[in-house]
Amino acid sequence: MSAKIDRSWLAESHTFPRPVIREIQRAAREGIYDIRGFGAKRRLPTFDDLLLLGASMSRYPLEGYRERCETRVVLGTRYAENPVTIETPVTIAGMSFGALSAQAKEALGRGASEVGTSTTTGDGGMTAEERRHSNLLVYQYLPSRYGMNPDDLRAADAIEIVVGQGAKPGGGGMLLGQKITERVAGMRNLPEGIDQRSACRHPDWTGPDDLEIKIQELREITDWKVPIYTKVGASRPFYDVQLAVKAGADVVVVDGMQGGTAATQEVFIEHVGIPTLPATRLAVEALKEAGVHREVQLIVSGGIRSGADVAKALALGADAVSIGTAALIAMGDNSPELEEQYNAIGSSAGYYDDYQEGRDPSGISTQDLDLGKRLDPETAGRLVANYLRCLTLETQTLARAAGKSDVRNLEPEDLVALTVEAAAMARVPLAGTAWVPGAVK
């Protein structure tokens, strides 16, 4: 028998831990960057680093079963003839048909409609199933212009001009050939089975002033009836939000770096952009400086998981939030029940992020017809609806505890931070002190 080796004295390098070594060796073998889906996996400041202050004597809480706490939000009140009214401050983010199966897109529409909120198309156009099952559908207008046509613009309840995405601000998206089926190719006017890369900027723009021209064009196409959103990836949110306001946007969407993606370079996901927490505060400051806070609504996205996240985002000044990855998980993505099937494709439940391969055993991030059939849109839609209801109830519970009769009455004074970094980013006091790092007295 071989002697047992004593490894207790071995120390792993902080600079070159085993995951870094594996990535260096993979890059050396393949000679190209790694592509994956999901969002940033590194540890980042999140809303978990903030705490809400419940009411007691100085403020009175509301009785949960007797006193109403409003959750309705109206989006697009600035210029649109028909603003979007949602019954919960949680919306479904844009995820494309192509990245997701037709069944998944239908399920998102069903779930959102059941609770009275909106869902969003994503790159590649609007599917008939999605429009039919979405009472409120936001149409994304992206740099690629894949699937874009005026009829779908007019059929939407709002239009979202995508300038950037939190997982990859400054970068375009990818859809590998194995997911470009006959239907996807037909919608996007692309050859079937050939890798596709979405552009990182709109082809007819040379600067920020062109956003104003584009908003005017879209208003003319839709006869000023529907709200125009502008979505930016969180990189320089203060300036980007102010430019969107100046261009005439009704709603601004700010997507933090925890936001997910179907496929992009991992170096983008982990090293570009800023977290949702500081992005929210900077976006609110931009709206206040422009004198349009609450007149132009703010939606924040990127890593929203619970009603606590929702409540804290609202307390920092957002009007609503948007979820993407969490909605997929609610439907069954990365479910432990599929552990053996994830193992069979070289992954594991909770770790699966190779959305670009189209082999998702849950039937969500795939264009394989047989895999797609595994996802029942009605069942998955109910799961999404249940999750949205839970987020809403949690948000209401926390708002009532802070003495608020409307979730949007939550304010920065209801927050403290657990770390110096979070206190500085959110501009709220460090817990147990009156100190706000970086605040100008």
Protein backbone atom coordinates (compact mmCIF):
# COMPACT_ATOMS: atom_id res chain seq x y z
CA MET A 1 0.00 0.00 0.00
CA SER A 2 1.19 3.48 -0.79
CA ALA A 3 1.81 5.80 2.11
CA LYS A 4 -0.78 8.49 2.77
CA ILE A 5 0.54 11.87 1.69
CA ASP A 6 0.33 14.68 4.22
CA ARG A 7 -1.17 17.70 2.43
CA SER A 8 -1.93 19.77 5.51
CA TRP A 9 1.04 22.06 4.83
CA LEU A 10 0.00 22.89 1.27
CA ALA A 11 -1.38 26.39 0.60
CA GLU A 12 -3.39 27.42 -2.42
CA SER A 13 -2.28 30.57 -4.21
CA HIS A 14 -4.69 33.50 -3.92
CA THR A 15 -3.46 34.82 -7.26
CA PHE A 16 -3.49 31.44 -9.02
CA PRO A 17 -6.14 29.27 -7.33
CA ARG A 18 -7.24 26.08 -9.08
CA PRO A 19 -10.09 27.68 -11.09
CA VAL A 20 -7.63 30.24 -12.48
CA ILE A 21 -5.14 27.50 -13.33
CA ARG A 22 -7.87 25.56 -15.14
CA GLU A 23 -8.89 28.63 -17.14
CA ILE A 24 -5.30 29.40 -18.15
CA GLN A 25 -4.86 25.82 -19.33
CA ARG A 26 -8.18 25.87 -21.19
CA ALA A 27 -7.20 29.10 -22.95
CA ALA A 28 -3.84 27.57 -23.87
CA ARG A 29 -5.55 24.49 -25.37
CA GLU A 30 -8.32 26.28 -27.26
CA GLY A 31 -6.80 29.68 -28.07
CA ILE A 32 -10.11 31.56 -27.65
CA TYR A 33 -12.04 33.21 -24.82
CA ASP A 34 -14.60 31.25 -22.84
CA ILE A 35 -18.29 31.83 -23.55
CA ARG A 36 -21.08 31.13 -21.08
CA GLY A 37 -24.43 32.34 -19.88
CA PHE A 38 -25.76 33.36 -16.46
CA GLY A 39 -24.34 36.45 -14.70
CA ALA A 40 -21.35 37.42 -12.60
CA LYS A 41 -20.32 34.76 -10.10
CA ARG A 42 -17.69 36.72 -8.21
CA ARG A 43 -18.60 38.14 -4.80
CA LEU A 44 -20.04 41.63 -5.21
CA PRO A 45 -21.79 44.15 -2.97
CA THR A 46 -25.51 43.39 -3.12
CA PHE A 47 -28.72 44.46 -1.44
CA ASP A 48 -27.86 41.85 1.22
CA ASP A 49 -25.36 44.42 2.50
CA LEU A 50 -28.25 46.72 3.43
CA LEU A 51 -30.83 46.34 6.22
CA LEU A 52 -34.31 47.84 6.48
CA LEU A 53 -35.30 49.64 9.66
CA GLY A 54 -38.66 48.47 10.94
CA ALA A 55 -40.97 50.85 12.77
CA SER A 56 -41.66 50.77 16.50
CA MET A 57 -42.15 54.03 18.48
CA SER A 58 -40.64 56.76 16.33
CA ARG A 59 -42.62 55.32 13.43
CA TYR A 60 -45.60 53.00 13.69
CA PRO A 61 -45.84 49.82 11.60
CA LEU A 62 -48.96 48.89 9.68
CA GLU A 63 -51.04 45.87 10.62
CA GLY A 64 -50.47 43.31 7.88
CA TYR A 65 -53.97 41.85 7.77
CA ARG A 66 -55.92 45.07 8.30
CA GLU A 67 -54.11 47.95 6.65
CA ARG A 68 -53.58 48.18 2.93
CA CYS A 69 -50.15 48.54 1.34
CA GLU A 70 -50.34 49.58 -2.32
CA THR A 71 -48.10 47.87 -4.89
CA ARG A 72 -49.45 49.32 -8.15
CA VAL A 73 -46.98 51.22 -10.33
CA VAL A 74 -47.71 53.30 -13.43
CA LEU A 75 -44.87 53.41 -15.97
CA GLY A 76 -44.55 55.88 -18.81
CA THR A 77 -46.51 58.86 -17.52
CA ARG A 78 -44.20 61.48 -19.04
CA TYR A 79 -45.38 61.57 -22.67
CA ALA A 80 -47.24 58.37 -23.57
CA GLU A 81 -50.99 58.43 -24.14
CA ASN A 82 -51.33 54.90 -22.69
CA PRO A 83 -48.97 54.37 -19.73
CA VAL A 84 -48.36 50.83 -18.52
CA THR A 85 -50.02 50.01 -15.20
CA ILE A 86 -48.59 47.04 -13.32
CA GLU A 87 -50.05 45.58 -10.13
CA THR A 88 -46.66 44.67 -8.64
CA PRO A 89 -43.34 46.53 -8.80
CA VAL A 90 -41.71 43.45 -10.35
CA THR A 91 -41.51 42.98 -14.13
CA ILE A 92 -39.98 40.29 -16.37
CA ALA A 93 -36.81 41.34 -18.19
CA GLY A 94 -36.08 40.84 -21.87
CA MET A 95 -34.96 37.33 -22.82
CA SER A 96 -35.07 36.39 -26.46
CA PHE A 97 -36.79 33.62 -28.34
CA GLY A 98 -33.62 31.95 -29.52
CA ALA A 99 -31.90 32.11 -26.18
CA LEU A 100 -35.08 30.64 -24.66
CA SER A 101 -37.53 28.11 -26.07
CA ALA A 102 -40.95 29.13 -27.34
CA GLN A 103 -42.46 27.29 -24.36
CA ALA A 104 -40.36 29.32 -21.92
CA LYS A 105 -41.35 32.60 -23.55
CA GLU A 106 -45.01 31.62 -23.39
CA ALA A 107 -44.66 30.63 -19.73
CA LEU A 108 -43.16 34.00 -18.85
CA GLY A 109 -46.09 35.73 -20.51
CA ARG A 110 -48.61 33.54 -18.71
CA GLY A 111 -46.98 34.09 -15.32
CA ALA A 112 -46.67 37.85 -15.72
CA SER A 113 -50.26 38.18 -16.91
CA GLU A 114 -51.60 36.16 -14.00
CA VAL A 115 -50.26 38.71 -11.50
CA GLY A 116 -50.83 41.81 -13.62
CA THR A 117 -47.31 42.72 -14.64
CA SER A 118 -45.35 42.97 -17.88
CA THR A 119 -42.90 40.78 -19.71
CA THR A 120 -40.38 41.74 -22.39
CA THR A 121 -39.49 40.24 -25.78
CA GLY A 122 -35.69 40.32 -25.93
CA ASP A 123 -33.58 40.15 -29.09
CA GLY A 124 -35.02 38.45 -32.16
CA GLY A 125 -38.58 39.70 -32.29
CA MET A 126 -42.01 38.86 -30.94
CA THR A 127 -43.47 35.36 -31.06
CA ALA A 128 -47.19 34.84 -31.53
CA GLU A 129 -47.37 32.73 -28.35
CA GLU A 130 -45.69 35.43 -26.33
CA ARG A 131 -48.00 38.19 -27.55
CA ARG A 132 -51.10 36.03 -27.11
CA HIS A 133 -50.32 35.15 -23.49
CA SER A 134 -48.88 38.49 -22.35
CA ASN A 135 -51.44 41.06 -21.30
CA LEU A 136 -48.62 43.62 -21.08
CA LEU A 137 -45.71 43.10 -23.46
CA VAL A 138 -42.67 45.37 -23.80
CA TYR A 139 -40.96 45.15 -27.19
CA GLN A 140 -37.19 45.44 -27.12
CA TYR A 141 -35.56 47.50 -29.88
CA LEU A 142 -31.95 46.35 -29.99
CA PRO A 143 -28.83 47.24 -31.98
CA SER A 144 -29.16 44.02 -34.00
CA ARG A 145 -32.69 44.95 -35.19
CA TYR A 146 -33.31 41.20 -35.55
CA GLY A 147 -37.00 40.53 -36.11
CA MET A 148 -37.90 44.22 -35.91
CA ASN A 149 -40.92 45.37 -37.87
CA PRO A 150 -43.37 48.28 -37.44
CA ASP A 151 -46.38 45.99 -36.98
CA ASP A 152 -44.86 44.39 -33.89
CA LEU A 153 -43.88 47.81 -32.56
CA ARG A 154 -47.51 48.90 -32.82
CA ALA A 155 -48.70 45.65 -31.23
CA ALA A 156 -46.57 46.23 -28.11
CA ASP A 157 -47.67 47.94 -24.91
CA ALA A 158 -44.30 49.68 -24.54
CA ILE A 159 -41.00 49.83 -26.43
CA GLU A 160 -37.62 49.42 -24.76
CA ILE A 161 -34.61 50.81 -26.64
CA VAL A 162 -31.67 48.71 -25.50
CA VAL A 163 -28.40 50.63 -25.38
CA GLY A 164 -26.62 48.19 -23.08
CA GLN A 165 -27.01 45.13 -20.89
CA GLY A 166 -25.63 44.68 -17.38
CA ALA A 167 -23.73 41.48 -18.10
CA LYS A 168 -21.92 43.06 -21.04
CA PRO A 169 -22.12 46.88 -21.26
CA GLY A 170 -20.24 47.87 -24.40
CA GLY A 171 -20.48 44.37 -25.86
CA GLY A 172 -22.88 42.53 -28.13
CA GLY A 173 -24.68 39.26 -27.63
CA MET A 174 -24.14 35.84 -29.15
CA LEU A 175 -26.40 33.08 -30.41
CA LEU A 176 -24.53 30.01 -31.57
CA GLY A 177 -25.56 28.13 -34.68
CA GLN A 178 -27.00 25.11 -32.89
CA LYS A 179 -29.78 27.36 -31.53
CA ILE A 180 -30.55 29.06 -34.84
CA THR A 181 -33.28 26.75 -36.03
CA GLU A 182 -35.46 27.29 -39.07
CA ARG A 183 -37.96 29.33 -37.04
CA VAL A 184 -35.32 31.45 -35.27
CA ALA A 185 -33.50 32.05 -38.54
CA GLY A 186 -36.74 33.08 -40.23
CA MET A 187 -37.59 35.59 -37.52
CA ARG A 188 -34.12 37.11 -37.59
CA ASN A 189 -33.51 36.92 -41.35
CA LEU A 190 -30.37 34.85 -40.75
CA PRO A 191 -29.00 31.67 -42.30
CA GLU A 192 -29.99 28.58 -40.37
CA GLY A 193 -27.32 26.94 -38.20
CA ILE A 194 -24.74 29.74 -38.45
CA ASP A 195 -23.35 31.52 -35.39
CA GLN A 196 -24.79 35.00 -34.91
CA ARG A 197 -23.38 37.95 -32.99
CA SER A 198 -25.52 40.94 -32.09
CA ALA A 199 -24.01 44.39 -32.52
CA CYS A 200 -22.80 46.34 -29.50
CA ARG A 201 -24.26 49.64 -30.74
CA HIS A 202 -27.10 50.79 -32.95
CA PRO A 203 -25.92 50.95 -36.58
CA ASP A 204 -27.51 54.32 -37.32
CA TRP A 205 -26.15 56.09 -34.23
CA THR A 206 -23.00 58.20 -34.08
CA GLY A 207 -23.61 59.71 -30.63
CA PRO A 208 -26.13 60.24 -27.82
CA ASP A 209 -28.13 62.83 -29.79
CA ASP A 210 -29.24 60.04 -32.11
CA LEU A 211 -31.21 58.49 -29.24
CA GLU A 212 -33.52 61.51 -29.32
CA ILE A 213 -34.05 61.05 -33.06
CA LYS A 214 -34.82 57.35 -32.56
CA ILE A 215 -37.31 58.04 -29.77
CA GLN A 216 -39.11 60.53 -32.02
CA GLU A 217 -39.24 57.96 -34.85
CA LEU A 218 -40.73 55.32 -32.52
CA ARG A 219 -43.29 57.78 -31.18
CA GLU A 220 -44.39 58.59 -34.72
CA ILE A 221 -44.66 54.88 -35.60
CA THR A 222 -46.81 54.24 -32.53
CA ASP A 223 -48.70 57.56 -32.68
CA TRP A 224 -47.37 58.58 -29.22
CA LYS A 225 -49.56 55.95 -27.59
CA VAL A 226 -47.04 53.69 -25.82
CA PRO A 227 -44.21 54.51 -23.40
CA ILE A 228 -40.62 54.48 -24.65
CA TYR A 229 -38.11 52.93 -22.25
CA THR A 230 -34.34 53.24 -22.54
CA LYS A 231 -32.22 50.44 -21.08
CA VAL A 232 -28.55 50.95 -20.18
CA GLY A 233 -25.98 48.57 -18.76
CA ALA A 234 -24.61 49.89 -15.48
CA SER A 235 -21.26 51.37 -16.33
CA ARG A 236 -21.66 55.16 -16.13
CA PRO A 237 -25.31 55.25 -15.03
CA PHE A 238 -25.35 58.86 -13.82
CA TYR A 239 -24.48 60.27 -17.25
CA ASP A 240 -26.35 57.62 -19.24
CA VAL A 241 -29.58 58.22 -17.31
CA GLN A 242 -29.33 61.98 -17.79
CA LEU A 243 -28.78 61.52 -21.53
CA ALA A 244 -31.81 59.21 -21.72
CA VAL A 245 -33.92 61.81 -19.92
CA LYS A 246 -32.68 64.56 -22.22
CA ALA A 247 -33.53 62.41 -25.25
CA GLY A 248 -37.15 62.11 -24.08
CA ALA A 249 -37.42 58.64 -22.54
CA ASP A 250 -40.51 57.91 -20.43
CA VAL A 251 -38.81 55.18 -18.39
CA VAL A 252 -35.15 54.36 -17.78
CA VAL A 253 -34.00 50.79 -17.09
CA VAL A 254 -30.60 50.36 -15.42
CA ASP A 255 -29.15 46.84 -15.47
CA GLY A 256 -26.38 46.04 -12.97
CA MET A 257 -23.50 43.68 -13.66
CA GLN A 258 -25.23 40.83 -11.81
CA GLY A 259 -27.70 40.74 -14.69
CA GLY A 260 -27.70 37.50 -16.65
CA THR A 261 -27.08 36.75 -20.28
CA ALA A 262 -27.63 33.81 -22.58
CA ALA A 263 -24.09 33.88 -23.92
CA THR A 264 -21.12 36.22 -23.91
CA GLN A 265 -17.44 36.25 -23.07
CA GLU A 266 -16.83 35.40 -19.42
CA VAL A 267 -14.28 38.21 -19.23
CA PHE A 268 -17.18 40.61 -19.89
CA ILE A 269 -19.47 39.04 -17.32
CA GLU A 270 -16.93 39.19 -14.52
CA HIS A 271 -14.94 42.34 -15.26
CA VAL A 272 -17.13 44.98 -16.95
CA GLY A 273 -19.74 47.26 -15.36
CA ILE A 274 -20.70 48.06 -11.78
CA PRO A 275 -23.02 46.28 -9.34
CA THR A 276 -26.74 47.01 -9.14
CA LEU A 277 -26.46 48.54 -5.67
CA PRO A 278 -24.37 51.61 -6.56
CA ALA A 279 -25.97 51.83 -10.02
CA THR A 280 -29.39 52.32 -8.42
CA ARG A 281 -28.23 55.20 -6.24
CA LEU A 282 -26.40 56.90 -9.14
CA ALA A 283 -29.44 56.58 -11.41
CA VAL A 284 -31.71 58.13 -8.77
CA GLU A 285 -29.25 61.00 -8.26
CA ALA A 286 -29.26 61.62 -12.03
CA LEU A 287 -33.06 61.78 -12.12
CA LYS A 288 -33.18 64.11 -9.12
CA GLU A 289 -30.56 66.43 -10.58
CA ALA A 290 -32.58 66.57 -13.81
CA GLY A 291 -35.71 67.34 -11.77
CA VAL A 292 -37.64 64.33 -13.10
CA HIS A 293 -37.46 61.73 -10.32
CA ARG A 294 -40.84 59.92 -10.33
CA GLU A 295 -41.87 61.77 -13.51
CA VAL A 296 -39.46 59.53 -15.42
CA GLN A 297 -39.76 56.11 -13.82
CA LEU A 298 -36.72 54.02 -12.95
CA ILE A 299 -36.59 50.23 -13.24
CA VAL A 300 -33.49 48.47 -11.90
CA SER A 301 -32.41 44.94 -12.69
CA GLY A 302 -29.50 42.62 -12.15
CA GLY A 303 -29.46 39.99 -9.41
CA ILE A 304 -32.93 40.63 -7.91
CA ARG A 305 -33.91 37.49 -5.98
CA SER A 306 -36.29 38.28 -3.11
CA GLY A 307 -38.82 40.75 -1.82
CA ALA A 308 -36.05 42.14 0.37
CA ASP A 309 -34.08 43.04 -2.77
CA VAL A 310 -37.19 44.66 -4.24
CA ALA A 311 -37.93 46.67 -1.09
CA LYS A 312 -34.35 47.93 -0.80
CA ALA A 313 -34.23 48.95 -4.48
CA LEU A 314 -37.48 50.88 -4.00
CA ALA A 315 -36.13 52.47 -0.83
CA LEU A 316 -33.14 53.76 -2.79
CA GLY A 317 -35.55 55.45 -5.20
CA ALA A 318 -36.43 52.95 -7.94
CA ASP A 319 -40.05 52.68 -9.09
CA ALA A 320 -39.87 48.99 -10.01
CA VAL A 321 -37.44 46.14 -10.61
CA SER A 322 -37.03 43.56 -13.33
CA ILE A 323 -36.06 39.89 -13.01
CA GLY A 324 -34.60 37.49 -15.54
CA THR A 325 -32.42 34.72 -14.11
CA ALA A 326 -34.68 34.37 -11.07
CA ALA A 327 -37.70 33.85 -13.31
CA LEU A 328 -35.89 31.05 -15.17
CA ILE A 329 -34.97 29.40 -11.87
CA ALA A 330 -38.60 29.67 -10.77
CA MET A 331 -39.61 27.77 -13.91
CA GLY A 332 -37.18 24.97 -13.18
CA ASP A 333 -33.79 26.02 -14.52
CA ASN A 334 -30.95 24.40 -12.53
CA SER A 335 -33.45 22.28 -10.61
CA PRO A 336 -31.95 19.58 -8.34
CA GLU A 337 -34.60 17.22 -9.74
CA LEU A 338 -32.62 17.24 -13.01
CA GLU A 339 -29.25 16.51 -11.38
CA GLU A 340 -28.61 13.29 -13.33
CA GLN A 341 -29.44 14.97 -16.64
CA TYR A 342 -27.15 17.91 -15.87
CA ASN A 343 -24.43 15.40 -14.96
CA ALA A 344 -24.91 13.71 -18.33
CA ILE A 345 -23.94 16.92 -20.15
CA GLY A 346 -20.99 17.61 -17.89
CA SER A 347 -22.60 20.02 -15.44
CA SER A 348 -24.59 20.00 -12.22
CA ALA A 349 -27.78 21.54 -10.89
CA GLY A 350 -26.98 25.00 -9.54
CA TYR A 351 -23.88 25.28 -11.73
CA TYR A 352 -25.33 24.95 -15.22
CA ASP A 353 -24.54 28.04 -17.30
CA ASP A 354 -23.85 26.72 -20.80
CA TYR A 355 -27.07 28.19 -22.17
CA GLN A 356 -25.39 28.78 -25.52
CA GLU A 357 -25.13 25.04 -26.21
CA GLY A 358 -28.89 24.53 -26.34
CA ARG A 359 -28.79 21.27 -24.36
CA ASP A 360 -30.66 22.50 -21.28
CA PRO A 361 -32.52 19.45 -19.88
CA SER A 362 -35.17 21.72 -18.31
CA GLY A 363 -36.36 22.75 -21.79
CA ILE A 364 -35.86 26.45 -21.01
CA SER A 365 -32.68 27.67 -22.73
CA THR A 366 -32.89 25.44 -25.78
CA GLN A 367 -34.21 25.28 -29.33
CA ASP A 368 -34.18 21.48 -29.40
CA LEU A 369 -37.81 20.55 -30.06
CA ASP A 370 -37.72 17.42 -27.92
CA LEU A 371 -36.12 19.21 -24.97
CA GLY A 372 -38.54 22.12 -25.35
CA LYS A 373 -41.50 19.78 -25.01
CA ARG A 374 -40.37 18.94 -21.47
CA LEU A 375 -41.50 22.38 -20.33
CA ASP A 376 -45.26 22.72 -20.00
CA PRO A 377 -46.04 26.45 -20.45
CA GLU A 378 -49.12 26.35 -18.23
CA THR A 379 -47.33 24.68 -15.32
CA ALA A 380 -44.22 26.83 -15.74
CA GLY A 381 -46.40 29.93 -15.98
CA ARG A 382 -48.04 29.11 -12.66
CA LEU A 383 -44.62 28.70 -11.05
CA VAL A 384 -43.56 32.13 -12.32
CA ALA A 385 -46.82 33.65 -11.07
CA ASN A 386 -46.37 32.07 -7.64
CA TYR A 387 -42.85 33.43 -7.42
CA LEU A 388 -43.98 36.92 -8.43
CA ARG A 389 -46.73 36.81 -5.80
CA CYS A 390 -44.20 35.81 -3.18
CA LEU A 391 -41.89 38.69 -4.13
CA THR A 392 -44.83 41.08 -3.91
CA LEU A 393 -46.00 39.81 -0.51
CA GLU A 394 -42.47 39.99 0.89
CA THR A 395 -42.09 43.56 -0.37
CA GLN A 396 -45.45 44.53 1.17
CA THR A 397 -44.52 42.87 4.46
CA LEU A 398 -41.32 44.87 4.72
CA ALA A 399 -42.99 48.12 3.66
CA ARG A 400 -45.70 47.68 6.30
CA ALA A 401 -43.05 46.96 8.92
CA ALA A 402 -41.50 50.32 8.03
CA GLY A 403 -44.88 52.03 8.40
CA LYS A 404 -45.55 52.53 4.68
CA SER A 405 -48.96 52.32 3.02
CA ASP A 406 -47.36 52.18 -0.44
CA VAL A 407 -44.22 50.25 -1.31
CA ARG A 408 -42.90 53.25 -3.21
CA ASN A 409 -42.99 55.29 0.00
CA LEU A 410 -39.93 53.38 1.17
CA GLU A 411 -36.99 55.79 1.33
CA PRO A 412 -33.24 55.89 2.05
CA GLU A 413 -33.99 56.81 5.68
CA ASP A 414 -35.39 53.29 6.05
CA LEU A 415 -31.97 51.76 5.28
CA VAL A 416 -28.65 51.20 6.98
CA ALA A 417 -25.56 49.40 5.69
CA LEU A 418 -23.63 46.48 7.14
CA THR A 419 -20.32 47.36 5.49
CA VAL A 420 -18.41 50.57 4.86
CA GLU A 421 -18.40 49.78 1.15
CA ALA A 422 -22.19 49.35 0.96
CA ALA A 423 -22.71 52.51 3.03
CA ALA A 424 -20.56 54.49 0.60
CA MET A 425 -22.23 53.00 -2.48
CA ALA A 426 -25.81 53.45 -1.27
CA ARG A 427 -25.16 56.70 0.63
CA VAL A 428 -26.88 55.41 3.76
CA PRO A 429 -25.45 55.26 7.31
CA LEU A 430 -23.32 52.42 8.53
CA ALA A 431 -25.50 50.47 10.96
CA GLY A 432 -25.30 51.83 14.51
CA THR A 433 -23.74 55.12 13.40
CA ALA A 434 -24.71 58.33 11.69
CA TRP A 435 -21.71 58.02 9.37
CA VAL A 436 -22.31 58.02 5.62
CA PRO A 437 -18.93 57.43 3.96
CA GLY A 438 -18.27 59.88 1.17
CA ALA A 439 -21.21 62.15 2.00
CA VAL A 440 -20.47 65.86 1.69
CA LYS A 441 -21.50 67.77 4.83
